[in-house]
C-alpha atoms as a PDB file:
ATOM      1  CA  MET A   1     -50.696 -48.754 -34.941  1.00  0.00           C
ATOM      2  CA  THR A   2     -48.027 -51.837 -35.545  1.00  0.00           C
ATOM      3  CA  GLN A   3     -46.714 -53.378 -32.489  1.00  0.00           C
ATOM      4  CA  ALA A   4     -43.261 -54.861 -31.835  1.00  0.00           C
ATOM      5  CA  LEU A   5     -42.726 -58.117 -31.434  1.00  0.00           C
ATOM      6  CA  TYR A   6     -40.826 -58.204 -28.210  1.00  0.00           C
ATOM      7  CA  GLU A   7     -40.868 -55.189 -26.151  1.00  0.00           C
ATOM      8  CA  THR A   8     -39.812 -54.468 -22.871  1.00  0.00           C
ATOM      9  CA  PHE A   9     -41.730 -51.159 -21.925  1.00  0.00           C
ATOM     10  CA  HIS A  10     -40.963 -49.238 -18.699  1.00  0.00           C
ATOM     11  CA  LYS A  11     -44.121 -47.310 -17.814  1.00  0.00           C
ATOM     12  CA  THR A  12     -43.477 -43.726 -17.083  1.00  0.00           C
ATOM     13  CA  SER A  13     -42.315 -42.744 -14.077  1.00  0.00           C
ATOM     14  CA  PRO A  14     -42.251 -39.975 -11.451  1.00  0.00           C
ATOM     15  CA  LEU A  15     -39.752 -37.979 -13.510  1.00  0.00           C
ATOM     16  CA  GLY A  16     -41.908 -38.174 -16.452  1.00  0.00           C
ATOM     17  CA  ILE A  17     -39.855 -40.756 -18.092  1.00  0.00           C
ATOM     18  CA  SER A  18     -40.507 -44.024 -20.275  1.00  0.00           C
ATOM     19  CA  TYR A  19     -38.705 -46.156 -22.320  1.00  0.00           C
ATOM     20  CA  ALA A  20     -38.840 -49.425 -24.228  1.00  0.00           C
ATOM     21  CA  TRP A  21     -36.528 -52.120 -25.824  1.00  0.00           C
ATOM     22  CA  HIS A  22     -38.274 -53.553 -29.128  1.00  0.00           C
ATOM     23  CA  THR A  23     -37.764 -55.750 -32.068  1.00  0.00           C
ATOM     24  CA  ASN A  24     -39.919 -55.007 -35.039  1.00  0.00           C
ATOM     25  CA  SER A  25     -40.250 -57.482 -37.956  1.00  0.00           C
ATOM     26  CA  GLY A  26     -40.567 -54.484 -40.732  1.00  0.00           C
ATOM     27  CA  GLY A  27     -43.414 -52.358 -40.890  1.00  0.00           C
ATOM     28  CA  HIS A  28     -44.602 -49.068 -41.383  1.00  0.00           C
ATOM     29  CA  HIS A  29     -46.078 -46.612 -38.609  1.00  0.00           C
ATOM     30  CA  PRO A  30     -47.926 -43.893 -40.455  1.00  0.00           C
ATOM     31  CA  LEU A  31     -47.961 -40.711 -39.300  1.00  0.00           C
ATOM     32  CA  HIS A  32     -48.652 -39.968 -35.656  1.00  0.00           C
ATOM     33  CA  TRP A  33     -47.524 -37.721 -33.153  1.00  0.00           C
ATOM     34  CA  HIS A  34     -47.311 -37.367 -28.756  1.00  0.00           C
ATOM     35  CA  ASP A  35     -46.970 -34.639 -26.310  1.00  0.00           C
ATOM     36  CA  GLU A  36     -43.270 -36.181 -25.125  1.00  0.00           C
ATOM     37  CA  ILE A  37     -39.831 -35.841 -26.660  1.00  0.00           C
ATOM     38  CA  GLU A  38     -39.176 -38.882 -28.273  1.00  0.00           C
ATOM     39  CA  ILE A  39     -35.303 -40.497 -28.835  1.00  0.00           C
ATOM     40  CA  LEU A  40     -34.641 -43.287 -31.114  1.00  0.00           C
ATOM     41  CA  TYR A  41     -31.487 -45.320 -31.398  1.00  0.00           C
ATOM     42  CA  PRO A  42     -31.779 -48.448 -33.606  1.00  0.00           C
ATOM     43  CA  LEU A  43     -29.675 -51.489 -32.318  1.00  0.00           C
ATOM     44  CA  SER A  44     -29.865 -53.338 -34.946  1.00  0.00           C
ATOM     45  CA  GLY A  45     -31.020 -52.768 -38.738  1.00  0.00           C
ATOM     46  CA  LYS A  46     -32.336 -49.317 -39.564  1.00  0.00           C
ATOM     47  CA  ALA A  47     -35.319 -47.384 -40.597  1.00  0.00           C
ATOM     48  CA  ASP A  48     -36.762 -44.581 -42.620  1.00  0.00           C
ATOM     49  CA  ILE A  49     -38.204 -41.730 -40.577  1.00  0.00           C
ATOM     50  CA  SER A  50     -40.024 -39.334 -41.644  1.00  0.00           C
ATOM     51  CA  ILE A  51     -40.714 -35.793 -40.166  1.00  0.00           C
ATOM     52  CA  ASP A  52     -42.927 -33.100 -40.760  1.00  0.00           C
ATOM     53  CA  GLY A  53     -42.651 -34.456 -44.224  1.00  0.00           C
ATOM     54  CA  VAL A  54     -38.426 -35.029 -45.054  1.00  0.00           C
ATOM     55  CA  LYS A  55     -37.136 -38.250 -44.798  1.00  0.00           C
ATOM     56  CA  TYR A  56     -34.088 -39.345 -42.931  1.00  0.00           C
ATOM     57  CA  ASP A  57     -32.128 -42.792 -42.983  1.00  0.00           C
ATOM     58  CA  LEU A  58     -31.723 -44.058 -39.316  1.00  0.00           C
ATOM     59  CA  ARG A  59     -28.767 -46.699 -38.813  1.00  0.00           C
ATOM     60  CA  LYS A  60     -28.091 -48.559 -35.769  1.00  0.00           C
ATOM     61  CA  ARG A  61     -25.982 -46.876 -33.313  1.00  0.00           C
ATOM     62  CA  HIS A  62     -27.445 -43.507 -34.586  1.00  0.00           C
ATOM     63  CA  LEU A  63     -29.580 -41.356 -32.392  1.00  0.00           C
ATOM     64  CA  LEU A  64     -32.639 -39.285 -33.314  1.00  0.00           C
ATOM     65  CA  VAL A  65     -35.042 -37.225 -31.768  1.00  0.00           C
ATOM     66  CA  VAL A  66     -38.466 -36.298 -32.515  1.00  0.00           C
ATOM     67  CA  GLU A  67     -39.681 -32.817 -30.874  1.00  0.00           C
ATOM     68  CA  SER A  68     -42.532 -32.957 -29.011  1.00  0.00           C
ATOM     69  CA  GLY A  69     -45.929 -32.589 -31.451  1.00  0.00           C
ATOM     70  CA  GLN A  70     -43.481 -33.200 -34.444  1.00  0.00           C
ATOM     71  CA  ILE A  71     -45.904 -35.338 -37.054  1.00  0.00           C
ATOM     72  CA  HIS A  72     -43.588 -38.409 -37.812  1.00  0.00           C
ATOM     73  CA  SER A  73     -43.694 -41.919 -39.004  1.00  0.00           C
ATOM     74  CA  THR A  74     -41.510 -44.975 -39.507  1.00  0.00           C
ATOM     75  CA  HIS A  75     -40.519 -47.566 -41.846  1.00  0.00           C
ATOM     76  CA  ASN A  76     -38.795 -50.669 -40.748  1.00  0.00           C
ATOM     77  CA  GLU A  77     -36.423 -52.966 -42.873  1.00  0.00           C
ATOM     78  CA  ARG A  78     -38.311 -55.976 -42.878  1.00  0.00           C
ATOM     79  CA  THR A  79     -35.455 -58.578 -42.198  1.00  0.00           C
ATOM     80  CA  GLY A  80     -35.902 -56.758 -38.209  1.00  0.00           C
ATOM     81  CA  SER A  81     -34.868 -53.771 -36.188  1.00  0.00           C
ATOM     82  CA  MET A  82     -34.032 -53.656 -32.864  1.00  0.00           C
ATOM     83  CA  PHE A  83     -34.721 -49.865 -31.397  1.00  0.00           C
ATOM     84  CA  LEU A  84     -34.466 -48.393 -27.786  1.00  0.00           C
ATOM     85  CA  CYS A  85     -37.005 -45.829 -27.717  1.00  0.00           C
ATOM     86  CA  ILE A  86     -37.323 -42.955 -24.949  1.00  0.00           C
ATOM     87  CA  HIS A  87     -39.883 -41.063 -24.242  1.00  0.00           C
ATOM     88  CA  LEU A  88     -39.636 -37.183 -22.419  1.00  0.00           C
ATOM     89  CA  SER A  89     -42.542 -34.914 -20.343  1.00  0.00           C
ATOM     90  CA  ARG A  90     -41.156 -31.781 -21.460  1.00  0.00           C
ATOM     91  CA  GLU A  91     -43.722 -30.194 -18.497  1.00  0.00           C
ATOM     92  CA  LYS A  92     -41.539 -32.665 -16.399  1.00  0.00           C
ATOM     93  CA  LEU A  93     -37.887 -31.106 -17.765  1.00  0.00           C
ATOM     94  CA  ALA A  94     -39.101 -28.136 -16.904  1.00  0.00           C
ATOM     95  CA  GLU A  95     -39.447 -28.537 -13.013  1.00  0.00           C
ATOM     96  CA  TYR A  96     -35.339 -29.235 -13.250  1.00  0.00           C
ATOM     97  CA  MET A  97     -34.896 -26.385 -16.207  1.00  0.00           C
ATOM     98  CA  PRO A  98     -37.670 -23.468 -17.066  1.00  0.00           C
ATOM     99  CA  GLU A  99     -35.992 -23.162 -20.221  1.00  0.00           C
ATOM    100  CA  PHE A 100     -37.332 -27.104 -21.495  1.00  0.00           C
ATOM    101  CA  GLU A 101     -40.528 -24.905 -21.793  1.00  0.00           C
ATOM    102  CA  THR A 102     -39.495 -22.899 -25.441  1.00  0.00           C
ATOM    103  CA  LEU A 103     -36.271 -25.373 -25.595  1.00  0.00           C
ATOM    104  CA  ARG A 104     -36.427 -27.280 -29.084  1.00  0.00           C
ATOM    105  CA  ILE A 105     -34.125 -30.073 -29.497  1.00  0.00           C
ATOM    106  CA  ARG A 106     -32.742 -30.847 -33.406  1.00  0.00           C
ATOM    107  CA  CYS A 107     -30.696 -33.372 -33.221  1.00  0.00           C
ATOM    108  CA  LEU A 108     -30.704 -35.414 -36.204  1.00  0.00           C
ATOM    109  CA  PRO A 109     -27.866 -37.411 -37.562  1.00  0.00           C
ATOM    110  CA  GLU A 110     -27.281 -36.576 -40.779  1.00  0.00           C
ATOM    111  CA  ASN A 111     -27.202 -32.913 -39.603  1.00  0.00           C
ATOM    112  CA  ILE A 112     -24.359 -33.078 -37.283  1.00  0.00           C
ATOM    113  CA  SER A 113     -21.401 -30.630 -37.592  1.00  0.00           C
ATOM    114  CA  ASP A 114     -18.040 -31.536 -36.621  1.00  0.00           C
ATOM    115  CA  GLU A 115     -18.005 -29.266 -33.482  1.00  0.00           C
ATOM    116  CA  LYS A 116     -20.713 -31.139 -31.983  1.00  0.00           C
ATOM    117  CA  PHE A 117     -20.118 -34.922 -33.235  1.00  0.00           C
ATOM    118  CA  PRO A 118     -17.944 -35.722 -29.740  1.00  0.00           C
ATOM    119  CA  HIS A 119     -21.353 -34.255 -27.624  1.00  0.00           C
ATOM    120  CA  TYR A 120     -23.751 -36.498 -29.886  1.00  0.00           C
ATOM    121  CA  LEU A 121     -21.453 -39.289 -29.879  1.00  0.00           C
ATOM    122  CA  SER A 122     -21.202 -39.300 -25.974  1.00  0.00           C
ATOM    123  CA  ILE A 123     -24.768 -39.294 -25.733  1.00  0.00           C
ATOM    124  CA  CYS A 124     -24.942 -42.384 -27.857  1.00  0.00           C
ATOM    125  CA  GLN A 125     -22.510 -44.260 -25.227  1.00  0.00           C
ATOM    126  CA  MET A 126     -24.986 -43.580 -22.501  1.00  0.00           C
ATOM    127  CA  LEU A 127     -27.472 -45.379 -24.493  1.00  0.00           C
ATOM    128  CA  ASP A 128     -25.480 -48.209 -25.349  1.00  0.00           C
ATOM    129  CA  GLN A 129     -24.804 -47.720 -21.097  1.00  0.00           C
ATOM    130  CA  LEU A 130     -28.586 -47.928 -20.433  1.00  0.00           C
ATOM    131  CA  THR A 131     -28.787 -51.038 -22.919  1.00  0.00           C
ATOM    132  CA  LYS A 132     -25.925 -52.956 -20.889  1.00  0.00           C
ATOM    133  CA  LEU A 133     -27.809 -51.941 -17.827  1.00  0.00           C
ATOM    134  CA  PHE A 134     -30.803 -53.697 -18.721  1.00  0.00           C
ATOM    135  CA  ILE A 135     -29.196 -57.038 -20.389  1.00  0.00           C
ATOM    136  CA  GLN A 136     -27.312 -57.046 -16.708  1.00  0.00           C
ATOM    137  CA  GLU A 137     -30.334 -56.311 -14.577  1.00  0.00           C
ATOM    138  CA  PRO A 138     -29.103 -55.323 -11.734  1.00  0.00           C
ATOM    139  CA  PRO A 139     -31.022 -53.892  -8.488  1.00  0.00           C
ATOM    140  CA  VAL A 140     -30.162 -50.584  -9.579  1.00  0.00           C
ATOM    141  CA  PHE A 141     -31.383 -50.792 -12.618  1.00  0.00           C
ATOM    142  CA  PRO A 142     -34.473 -48.320 -12.649  1.00  0.00           C
ATOM    143  CA  LEU A 143     -32.062 -45.342 -10.609  1.00  0.00           C
ATOM    144  CA  GLU A 144     -28.848 -45.861 -12.980  1.00  0.00           C
ATOM    145  CA  ALA A 145     -31.236 -45.659 -16.190  1.00  0.00           C
ATOM    146  CA  GLU A 146     -33.387 -42.907 -15.304  1.00  0.00           C
ATOM    147  CA  GLY A 147     -30.076 -41.359 -14.399  1.00  0.00           C
ATOM    148  CA  LEU A 148     -27.861 -41.955 -17.366  1.00  0.00           C
ATOM    149  CA  ILE A 149     -31.607 -40.843 -19.287  1.00  0.00           C
ATOM    150  CA  LEU A 150     -31.743 -37.356 -17.869  1.00  0.00           C
ATOM    151  CA  GLN A 151     -28.073 -37.069 -18.305  1.00  0.00           C
ATOM    152  CA  ALA A 152     -28.487 -37.727 -22.053  1.00  0.00           C
ATOM    153  CA  ALA A 153     -31.720 -35.076 -22.139  1.00  0.00           C
ATOM    154  CA  ALA A 154     -29.003 -32.414 -20.550  1.00  0.00           C
ATOM    155  CA  ARG A 155     -26.958 -33.128 -22.954  1.00  0.00           C
ATOM    156  CA  LEU A 156     -29.118 -32.616 -25.882  1.00  0.00           C
ATOM    157  CA  ALA A 157     -30.383 -29.297 -24.183  1.00  0.00           C
ATOM    158  CA  GLU A 158     -26.730 -28.151 -23.704  1.00  0.00           C
ATOM    159  CA  HIS A 159     -25.495 -29.324 -27.065  1.00  0.00           C
ATOM    160  CA  PHE A 160     -28.582 -29.397 -29.739  1.00  0.00           C
ATOM    161  CA  GLY A 161     -30.708 -27.458 -27.767  1.00  0.00           C
ATOM    162  CA  SER A 162     -32.234 -23.553 -29.250  1.00  0.00           C
ATOM    163  CA  SER A 163     -34.996 -21.242 -28.385  1.00  0.00           C
ATOM    164  CA  ALA A 164     -38.517 -21.224 -29.792  1.00  0.00           C
ATOM    165  CA  LEU A 165     -39.426 -17.914 -28.766  1.00  0.00           C
ATOM    166  CA  ALA A 166     -39.608 -16.371 -31.763  1.00  0.00           C
ATOM    167  CA  PRO A 167     -43.449 -16.155 -33.168  1.00  0.00           C
ATOM    168  CA  SER A 168     -42.183 -17.753 -36.489  1.00  0.00           C
ATOM    169  CA  ALA A 169     -40.518 -20.861 -34.694  1.00  0.00           C
ATOM    170  CA  LEU A 170     -43.078 -21.346 -32.695  1.00  0.00           C
ATOM    171  CA  PRO A 171     -45.849 -23.905 -34.115  1.00  0.00           C
ATOM    172  CA  ASP A 172     -49.789 -22.879 -35.413  1.00  0.00           C
ATOM    173  CA  ARG A 173     -51.507 -24.102 -32.056  1.00  0.00           C
ATOM    174  CA  LEU A 174     -54.605 -23.880 -33.878  1.00  0.00           C
ATOM    175  CA  THR A 175     -53.348 -25.698 -37.000  1.00  0.00           C
ATOM    176  CA  ALA A 176     -51.512 -28.534 -34.219  1.00  0.00           C
ATOM    177  CA  GLU A 177     -55.070 -28.885 -32.615  1.00  0.00           C
ATOM    178  CA  ARG A 178     -57.202 -30.036 -35.971  1.00  0.00           C
ATOM    179  CA  ILE A 179     -54.386 -32.027 -37.233  1.00  0.00           C
ATOM    180  CA  HIS A 180     -54.234 -33.961 -33.852  1.00  0.00           C
ATOM    181  CA  THR A 181     -57.823 -34.215 -33.814  1.00  0.00           C
ATOM    182  CA  VAL A 182     -58.263 -35.575 -36.756  1.00  0.00           C
ATOM    183  CA  ILE A 183     -55.478 -38.260 -36.081  1.00  0.00           C
ATOM    184  CA  ARG A 184     -56.997 -39.098 -33.077  1.00  0.00           C
ATOM    185  CA  TYR A 185     -60.512 -39.915 -34.810  1.00  0.00           C
ATOM    186  CA  VAL A 186     -58.811 -41.863 -37.180  1.00  0.00           C
ATOM    187  CA  GLU A 187     -56.885 -43.999 -35.136  1.00  0.00           C
ATOM    188  CA  GLU A 188     -59.955 -44.607 -32.900  1.00  0.00           C
ATOM    189  CA  HIS A 189     -62.679 -45.401 -35.859  1.00  0.00           C
ATOM    190  CA  PHE A 190     -60.259 -46.581 -38.559  1.00  0.00           C
ATOM    191  CA  GLN A 191     -62.203 -50.059 -38.854  1.00  0.00           C
ATOM    192  CA  GLU A 192     -65.753 -47.714 -39.483  1.00  0.00           C
ATOM    193  CA  PRO A 193     -66.832 -46.312 -43.252  1.00  0.00           C
ATOM    194  CA  ILE A 194     -64.960 -42.542 -42.529  1.00  0.00           C
ATOM    195  CA  SER A 195     -65.771 -40.069 -45.409  1.00  0.00           C
ATOM    196  CA  LEU A 196     -64.050 -36.909 -46.168  1.00  0.00           C
ATOM    197  CA  THR A 197     -67.378 -35.094 -45.086  1.00  0.00           C
ATOM    198  CA  ASP A 198     -66.994 -37.129 -41.832  1.00  0.00           C
ATOM    199  CA  ALA A 199     -63.680 -35.665 -41.434  1.00  0.00           C
ATOM    200  CA  ALA A 200     -64.164 -32.317 -42.347  1.00  0.00           C
ATOM    201  CA  ASP A 201     -67.547 -32.242 -40.121  1.00  0.00           C
ATOM    202  CA  LEU A 202     -65.317 -33.273 -37.491  1.00  0.00           C
ATOM    203  CA  LEU A 203     -63.165 -29.777 -37.682  1.00  0.00           C
ATOM    204  CA  GLY A 204     -66.008 -27.387 -38.840  1.00  0.00           C
ATOM    205  CA  LEU A 205     -64.881 -27.013 -42.859  1.00  0.00           C
ATOM    206  CA  SER A 206     -65.992 -27.834 -45.353  1.00  0.00           C
ATOM    207  CA  LYS A 207     -64.807 -30.522 -47.316  1.00  0.00           C
ATOM    208  CA  GLU A 208     -62.672 -28.559 -49.753  1.00  0.00           C
ATOM    209  CA  TYR A 209     -60.968 -26.561 -47.337  1.00  0.00           C
ATOM    210  CA  PHE A 210     -60.642 -29.470 -45.406  1.00  0.00           C
ATOM    211  CA  CYS A 211     -58.992 -31.176 -48.680  1.00  0.00           C
ATOM    212  CA  ARG A 212     -56.287 -28.518 -48.793  1.00  0.00           C
ATOM    213  CA  PHE A 213     -55.576 -28.162 -45.299  1.00  0.00           C
ATOM    214  CA  PHE A 214     -55.144 -31.693 -44.529  1.00  0.00           C
ATOM    215  CA  LYS A 215     -52.836 -31.955 -47.878  1.00  0.00           C
ATOM    216  CA  LYS A 216     -50.291 -29.322 -46.865  1.00  0.00           C
ATOM    217  CA  ASN A 217     -50.207 -30.007 -43.257  1.00  0.00           C
ATOM    218  CA  MET A 218     -49.670 -33.607 -43.578  1.00  0.00           C
ATOM    219  CA  GLY A 219     -47.963 -34.036 -46.938  1.00  0.00           C
ATOM    220  CA  ILE A 220     -50.340 -36.327 -48.152  1.00  0.00           C
ATOM    221  CA  SER A 221     -54.506 -36.644 -48.760  1.00  0.00           C
ATOM    222  CA  PHE A 222     -56.709 -37.589 -45.872  1.00  0.00           C
ATOM    223  CA  LEU A 223     -57.455 -40.675 -47.842  1.00  0.00           C
ATOM    224  CA  GLN A 224     -54.107 -41.391 -48.024  1.00  0.00           C
ATOM    225  CA  TYR A 225     -53.688 -41.531 -44.542  1.00  0.00           C
ATOM    226  CA  LEU A 226     -56.463 -43.115 -43.461  1.00  0.00           C
ATOM    227  CA  ASN A 227     -55.374 -46.022 -45.915  1.00  0.00           C
ATOM    228  CA  GLU A 228     -51.990 -45.903 -44.114  1.00  0.00           C
ATOM    229  CA  ILE A 229     -53.635 -46.390 -41.087  1.00  0.00           C
ATOM    230  CA  ARG A 230     -55.946 -49.317 -41.712  1.00  0.00           C
ATOM    231  CA  VAL A 231     -52.617 -51.049 -44.143  1.00  0.00           C
ATOM    232  CA  SER A 232     -50.655 -50.908 -40.603  1.00  0.00           C
ATOM    233  CA  HIS A 233     -52.957 -52.429 -38.735  1.00  0.00           C
ATOM    234  CA  ILE A 234     -53.948 -55.123 -41.388  1.00  0.00           C
ATOM    235  CA  TYR A 235     -49.878 -55.913 -41.132  1.00  0.00           C
ATOM    236  CA  TYR A 236     -50.071 -56.442 -37.313  1.00  0.00           C
ATOM    237  CA  ASP A 237     -52.939 -58.858 -37.685  1.00  0.00           C
ATOM    238  CA  LEU A 238     -51.183 -60.725 -40.517  1.00  0.00           C
ATOM    239  CA  LEU A 239     -48.222 -61.765 -38.094  1.00  0.00           C
ATOM    240  CA  HIS A 240     -50.447 -62.031 -34.786  1.00  0.00           C
ATOM    241  CA  THR A 241     -53.926 -63.471 -35.869  1.00  0.00           C
ATOM    242  CA  ASP A 242     -55.239 -66.791 -37.823  1.00  0.00           C
ATOM    243  CA  LEU A 243     -57.897 -64.761 -39.471  1.00  0.00           C
ATOM    244  CA  SER A 244     -57.945 -65.098 -43.480  1.00  0.00           C
ATOM    245  CA  ILE A 245     -56.252 -62.416 -45.329  1.00  0.00           C
ATOM    246  CA  LEU A 246     -60.013 -61.471 -46.648  1.00  0.00           C
ATOM    247  CA  ASP A 247     -61.613 -61.630 -43.045  1.00  0.00           C
ATOM    248  CA  ILE A 248     -58.713 -58.944 -41.828  1.00  0.00           C
ATOM    249  CA  ILE A 249     -58.859 -56.503 -45.167  1.00  0.00           C
ATOM    250  CA  GLU A 250     -62.645 -56.531 -44.035  1.00  0.00           C
ATOM    251  CA  LYS A 251     -62.100 -56.032 -40.339  1.00  0.00           C
ATOM    252  CA  ASN A 252     -60.047 -52.902 -40.868  1.00  0.00           C
ATOM    253  CA  GLY A 253     -62.125 -50.935 -42.857  1.00  0.00           C
ATOM    254  CA  PHE A 254     -60.747 -51.774 -46.619  1.00  0.00           C
ATOM    255  CA  THR A 255     -63.629 -52.210 -49.040  1.00  0.00           C
ATOM    256  CA  ASN A 256     -61.979 -52.081 -52.355  1.00  0.00           C
ATOM    257  CA  GLN A 257     -59.659 -54.962 -53.003  1.00  0.00           C
ATOM    258  CA  LYS A 258     -57.374 -52.928 -55.964  1.00  0.00           C
ATOM    259  CA  LEU A 259     -56.995 -50.259 -53.575  1.00  0.00           C
ATOM    260  CA  PHE A 260     -55.756 -52.440 -50.720  1.00  0.00           C
ATOM    261  CA  ASN A 261     -53.262 -54.368 -52.694  1.00  0.00           C
ATOM    262  CA  SER A 262     -51.699 -51.410 -54.599  1.00  0.00           C
ATOM    263  CA  THR A 263     -51.598 -49.423 -51.212  1.00  0.00           C
ATOM    264  CA  PHE A 264     -49.910 -52.726 -49.004  1.00  0.00           C
ATOM    265  CA  LYS A 265     -47.458 -52.862 -52.355  1.00  0.00           C
ATOM    266  CA  LYS A 266     -46.239 -49.581 -52.365  1.00  0.00           C
ATOM    267  CA  ILE A 267     -46.011 -49.617 -48.297  1.00  0.00           C
ATOM    268  CA  TYR A 268     -44.359 -53.239 -47.891  1.00  0.00           C
ATOM    269  CA  GLY A 269     -42.863 -54.160 -51.050  1.00  0.00           C
ATOM    270  CA  CYS A 270     -44.623 -57.547 -50.692  1.00  0.00           C
ATOM    271  CA  THR A 271     -48.070 -59.391 -50.805  1.00  0.00           C
ATOM    272  CA  PRO A 272     -50.355 -59.884 -48.036  1.00  0.00           C
ATOM    273  CA  SER A 273     -49.500 -63.693 -48.104  1.00  0.00           C
ATOM    274  CA  ALA A 274     -45.554 -62.668 -48.041  1.00  0.00           C
ATOM    275  CA  VAL A 275     -45.982 -60.856 -44.703  1.00  0.00           C
ATOM    276  CA  ARG A 276     -48.117 -64.130 -42.939  1.00  0.00           C
ATOM    277  CA  ARG A 277     -45.324 -66.198 -43.106  1.00  0.00           C
ATOM    278  CA  GLY A 278     -43.787 -63.811 -40.091  1.00  0.00           C
ATOM    279  CA  LEU A 279     -40.474 -63.378 -38.832  1.00  0.00           C
ATOM    280  CA  PRO A 280     -39.172 -64.492 -35.667  1.00  0.00           C
ATOM    281  CA  ALA A 281     -38.324 -61.867 -32.898  1.00  0.00           C
ATOM    282  CA  GLU A 282     -34.543 -61.142 -32.501  1.00  0.00           C
ATOM    283  CA  PRO A 283     -32.636 -61.279 -28.936  1.00  0.00           C
ATOM    284  CA  LEU A 284     -30.813 -58.340 -27.432  1.00  0.00           C
ATOM    285  CA  PRO A 285     -27.744 -57.694 -29.977  1.00  0.00           C
ATOM    286  CA  PRO A 286     -24.294 -57.537 -28.117  1.00  0.00           C
ATOM    287  CA  LEU A 287     -23.078 -54.442 -27.105  1.00  0.00           C
END
């Protein structure tokens, strides 16, 4: 996946918390998932976030939560965006609050009611305070940082959480496992030739059924998804290697130059040579 130009990621703590401040020079992070609950909070710039096929416009100083297991993608402005990103282990949170095993957090900027806005604002203020602590870096920073994050998690659970005990609210485990298996396989083998038959055989499905299954659950065709993964790695290599554009394209599994050009232009709105010029990392913005 496309890596951050600036990143300070604190390793997962015994409390199941990890967090990072990072700056991207723009870019597309294709559909992916993770077991942790993810909190995204832009400090500058903005991003388009797609969650389960629905797109959200995430602006600076606005909070968005991606639930564990949700398939999502991000697209950042080419002018650069700085984010605070927090991952929370559902298993660890359940040690404090057993309800977290079935609790689902729905916190999206476009759907905050007037009643819940004060709680939403208070969580955003906690994340601003967390960033101030990071800049000041006092000796007690790790303790205060995780304390603030746990407070934010508690507010999210109290004001934006709902039970997912109803069968209709729970994800189809078999479907989720199948999708996750394909995503993992593509990440490990995208530089190699991958056919529809390869992907279908991975799940023990016919090619025709696999195509319908993937499109229904991911919102795009498998080949489109595969090409987006390859293009995201090409974008990173354009910024961070001295390889020729042709070598980068071949290294990352593309064999059709015309298809690559159209896919790249559609995602990034520019040519590979324009990206090659790069953008400098930005300092943390003042709070």
